[in-house]
Protein backbone atom coordinates (compact mmCIF):
# COMPACT_ATOMS: atom_id res chain seq x y z
CA UNK A 1 63.32 101.04 10.96
CA UNK A 2 66.50 100.18 9.10
CA UNK A 3 68.37 103.02 10.80
CA UNK A 4 67.02 101.98 14.22
CA UNK A 5 68.18 98.39 13.77
CA UNK A 6 71.57 99.64 12.62
CA UNK A 7 71.90 101.79 15.75
CA UNK A 8 70.86 98.87 17.99
CA UNK A 9 73.42 96.62 16.28
CA UNK A 10 76.12 99.28 16.69
CA UNK A 11 75.24 99.72 20.38
CA UNK A 12 75.47 95.99 21.11
CA UNK A 13 78.69 95.69 19.12
CA UNK A 14 80.31 98.49 21.12
CA UNK A 15 79.09 96.97 24.41
CA UNK A 16 80.40 93.55 23.42
CA UNK A 17 83.82 94.90 22.52
CA UNK A 18 84.07 97.28 25.48
CA UNK A 19 82.91 94.96 28.24
CA UNK A 20 84.43 91.63 27.30
CA UNK A 21 87.20 90.73 29.67
CA UNK A 22 89.96 89.22 27.61
CA UNK A 23 93.33 89.33 29.32
CA UNK A 24 95.87 90.83 26.99
CA UNK A 25 99.43 89.67 26.75
CA UNK A 26 101.58 92.57 27.85
CA UNK A 27 105.13 92.33 26.66
CA UNK A 28 107.88 93.77 28.77
CA UNK A 29 109.03 97.06 27.33
CA UNK A 30 112.75 96.49 26.84
CA UNK A 31 113.54 99.56 24.72
CA UNK A 32 112.41 102.23 27.17
CA UNK A 33 113.91 102.76 30.60
CA UNK A 34 113.05 105.28 33.33
CA UNK A 35 114.72 108.56 32.41
CA UNK A 36 116.62 108.70 35.72
CA UNK A 37 118.40 105.45 34.67
CA UNK A 38 119.17 106.50 31.08
CA UNK A 39 122.81 107.56 30.51
CA UNK A 40 121.87 109.57 27.41
CA UNK A 41 119.21 111.46 29.38
CA UNK A 42 121.63 112.17 32.21
CA UNK A 43 124.13 113.51 29.65
CA UNK A 44 121.45 115.81 28.20
CA UNK A 45 120.55 116.97 31.69
CA UNK A 46 124.20 117.70 32.50
CA UNK A 47 124.68 119.70 29.25
CA UNK A 48 121.49 121.76 29.68
CA UNK A 49 121.69 125.36 30.98
CA UNK A 50 121.27 125.67 34.73
CA UNK A 51 118.08 127.69 35.09
CA UNK A 52 114.48 127.11 36.11
CA UNK A 53 113.22 126.53 32.55
CA UNK A 54 115.52 123.56 32.05
CA UNK A 55 116.01 122.06 35.51
CA UNK A 56 112.31 121.72 36.45
CA UNK A 57 111.30 119.85 33.26
CA UNK A 58 114.32 117.58 33.53
CA UNK A 59 113.44 116.79 37.17
CA UNK A 60 109.87 116.02 36.18
CA UNK A 61 110.94 113.84 33.26
CA UNK A 62 113.40 111.89 35.38
CA UNK A 63 110.79 111.11 38.01
CA UNK A 64 107.85 110.16 35.76
CA UNK A 65 108.71 109.38 32.13
CA UNK A 66 110.44 106.66 30.17
CA UNK A 67 113.33 107.47 27.85
CA UNK A 68 114.63 105.79 24.73
CA UNK A 69 118.20 105.13 23.71
CA UNK A 70 118.44 108.72 22.46
CA UNK A 71 117.80 110.10 25.95
CA UNK A 72 114.51 111.73 24.96
CA UNK A 73 111.28 111.12 26.89
CA UNK A 74 108.67 108.94 25.16
CA UNK A 75 105.00 108.26 25.79
CA UNK A 76 104.51 104.52 25.30
CA UNK A 77 100.90 103.54 24.72
CA UNK A 78 101.20 99.86 25.45
CA UNK A 79 99.26 100.17 28.73
CA UNK A 80 95.86 101.77 29.25
CA UNK A 81 97.03 103.77 32.26
CA UNK A 82 99.49 105.61 29.99
CA UNK A 83 96.94 106.24 27.21
CA UNK A 84 95.29 109.05 29.16
CA UNK A 85 98.37 111.19 28.44
CA UNK A 86 97.37 111.15 24.77
CA UNK A 87 93.58 110.79 24.91
CA UNK A 88 92.96 114.15 26.60
CA UNK A 89 94.89 116.25 24.02
CA UNK A 90 93.29 114.29 21.17
CA UNK A 91 89.81 114.91 22.62
CA UNK A 92 90.53 118.62 23.03
CA UNK A 93 91.80 118.84 19.45
CA UNK A 94 88.79 117.00 18.02
CA UNK A 95 86.34 119.15 19.99
CA UNK A 96 88.08 122.36 18.88
CA UNK A 97 88.26 121.30 15.23
CA UNK A 98 84.60 120.23 15.32
CA UNK A 99 83.63 123.52 16.96
CA UNK A 100 85.34 125.53 14.23
CA UNK A 101 83.87 123.41 11.46
CA UNK A 102 80.35 123.35 12.88
CA UNK A 103 80.33 127.10 13.48
CA UNK A 104 81.40 127.77 9.90
CA UNK A 105 78.89 125.25 8.57
CA UNK A 106 76.05 126.81 10.57
CA UNK A 107 76.95 130.27 9.27
CA UNK A 108 77.14 129.11 5.65
CA UNK A 109 73.85 127.20 5.85
CA UNK A 110 72.03 130.34 6.99
CA UNK A 111 73.97 132.57 4.58
CA UNK A 112 73.00 130.37 1.62
CA UNK A 113 69.32 131.00 2.40
CA UNK A 114 69.78 134.79 2.20
CA UNK A 115 69.07 136.76 -0.94
CA UNK A 116 72.78 137.65 -1.41
CA UNK A 117 74.74 134.60 -0.14
CA UNK A 118 78.01 135.67 -1.81
CA UNK A 119 77.84 139.04 -0.09
CA UNK A 120 77.27 137.39 3.31
CA UNK A 121 80.38 135.28 2.78
CA UNK A 122 82.50 138.34 2.05
CA UNK A 123 80.97 140.76 4.58
CA UNK A 124 80.45 138.79 7.78
CA UNK A 125 77.10 139.33 9.48
CA UNK A 126 78.31 139.67 13.08
CA UNK A 127 75.08 138.75 14.94
CA UNK A 128 74.69 135.68 12.74
CA UNK A 129 78.36 134.77 13.26
CA UNK A 130 78.03 135.05 17.04
CA UNK A 131 74.88 132.91 16.96
CA UNK A 132 76.74 130.33 14.85
CA UNK A 133 79.67 130.33 17.29
CA UNK A 134 77.36 129.78 20.26
CA UNK A 135 75.64 127.00 18.34
CA UNK A 136 79.06 125.49 17.60
CA UNK A 137 79.74 124.97 21.30
CA UNK A 138 77.14 122.19 21.31
CA UNK A 139 78.32 120.63 18.06
CA UNK A 140 78.60 117.01 19.29
CA UNK A 141 74.95 116.98 20.36
CA UNK A 142 73.78 118.80 17.23
CA UNK A 143 75.77 116.45 15.00
CA UNK A 144 74.25 113.42 16.73
CA UNK A 145 70.76 114.90 16.33
CA UNK A 146 71.29 115.62 12.63
CA UNK A 147 72.82 112.20 12.07
CA UNK A 148 69.88 110.40 13.65
CA UNK A 149 67.28 112.50 11.79
CA UNK A 150 69.06 112.14 8.44
CA UNK A 151 69.77 115.86 7.95
CA UNK A 152 73.54 115.41 8.09
CA UNK A 153 73.81 112.79 5.37
CA UNK A 154 72.67 112.93 1.75
CA UNK A 155 70.06 110.57 0.34
CA UNK A 156 71.25 107.85 -2.04
CA UNK A 157 69.38 109.39 -4.98
CA UNK A 158 71.17 112.73 -4.42
CA UNK A 159 74.63 111.21 -4.88
CA UNK A 160 75.77 111.08 -8.48
CA UNK A 161 77.64 108.06 -9.74
CA UNK A 162 79.86 108.41 -12.77
CA UNK A 163 79.03 105.98 -15.58
CA UNK A 164 81.71 103.45 -16.42
């Protein structure tokens, strides 16, 4: 019951924060200018070699990105419409890191139940490893399931506290 009430409270807190319409004060970005208007960027573009691998990126940067005083493109995150440029790579990284971790965890949990767990860690059981990798693809759902059932976290009496 305690866990259920905590989840309900968390749900309503997230909804309250996400759906409240508070206008934010957006300051004018005075340090970044469009790259096509930046003298330092134009100097970099002029000094770059004249081939496809340099001209196409410079054309793209000059039409879409903002540059600093150094003439390098920057990704300002002061507006939500620009945050998507960073959110997608972060989500891909977190999913990949979770996939690797969950696959390894699944393999080690099964290997620790075997009669020779040290041997299974040294000599990889390929069918078990493949099964763990396939299981790792669904790691967000499995982690949520284990979190809600209490399998993912340790009980309070299992955590040792050093005497002071």
